[in-house]
Structure formats: C-alpha cells, structure tokens
C-alpha cells in the first residue's frame, strides 16, 4: 500500500482557454438540430446529413479530449508521480534515489519550451498546463523534468516572506 502523499495537485485547462471550443460546440449542435431535427439546410453551403454527423462526432470528440486535459502531481516519501491525461494515462513514478535535485522554479513556457503541454527542449522535458512555476527535477543521469504547478504561486501569496 502506498503512503499518503505530502503534496497533491490537479491542474486543468483554464475555462477561458476552452470557451472558444465550447462556442464552436454550441454552434455545431444548433446546426445539427436545425438540419437533422427540422430538416432545414444549415448555412449558406449546407452539407449532407451524413457529413454533418461525421463532423459533429469528430468535433465533439476533440472538444472532450481538450476539456479532459489534466496534470496530476503527487509527492510522497518514495518519490514524485505525475500523469498528464489524456496523453499519459498511467502514473509515471520517479523515485528519490534517481533524483539529485528538486526545487520550485519560475520559468518561461514560451521561451524555455515553446509553450504549454508536453514539451521537449534544451531544458529537458516539461509538463505544463498554465502559469510559469514548476517543480524542477534534475536526475542523477543529467536529465531534467519540469512539472508545472499552480500551488507554488498560492504558497508564495500566503507566505510573503
């Protein structure tokens, strides 16, 4: 049985980032109701019903995937665990005996890694959803992993020493 983690965090995509996706979903749902439900062609160049259904399924599936993005982090006595659904479903565990350094750092997602998500760059690998703070792991073999965190900012605001 695994011990209770010292630190646990779940980050999700910000609502404002998903708002355009939800607006496209609403427009497409309206178009489906108009064309499939009422039999009136939707738009100035309407498509066939079968293509409308196919597009709706693909767009709704993509929307579900985007809205289900989450970065989970757990830190415990045995190490640190991370998963980035829907890209990495299983927990990736890194034991402390393979880590030479671990610290919270401020970084630039765009400059250091080319944006948010799962990124590879000169600074190693990064898992991030938003913000510019992360837990930097430096492994004994020289590899680096940065795990984004929103809690570093919260802790800093609570304790302004």
Foldseek 3Di string as FASTA:
>chain_A
DDDAFPDKDKDFADPVVLVVLVVVLVVLVVQLCVCVVVVDAPDPDGDDNVVSVVVNVVSVVVSVQNRPWMWIWTHHPQFIWIATPPVGDDIDGDGPVFFPDKDKDFADCCVAFNHAAFGQDPQATEHGRDHGMWIWTQTPVGHIYTYDDPVVVVVCVVDVD
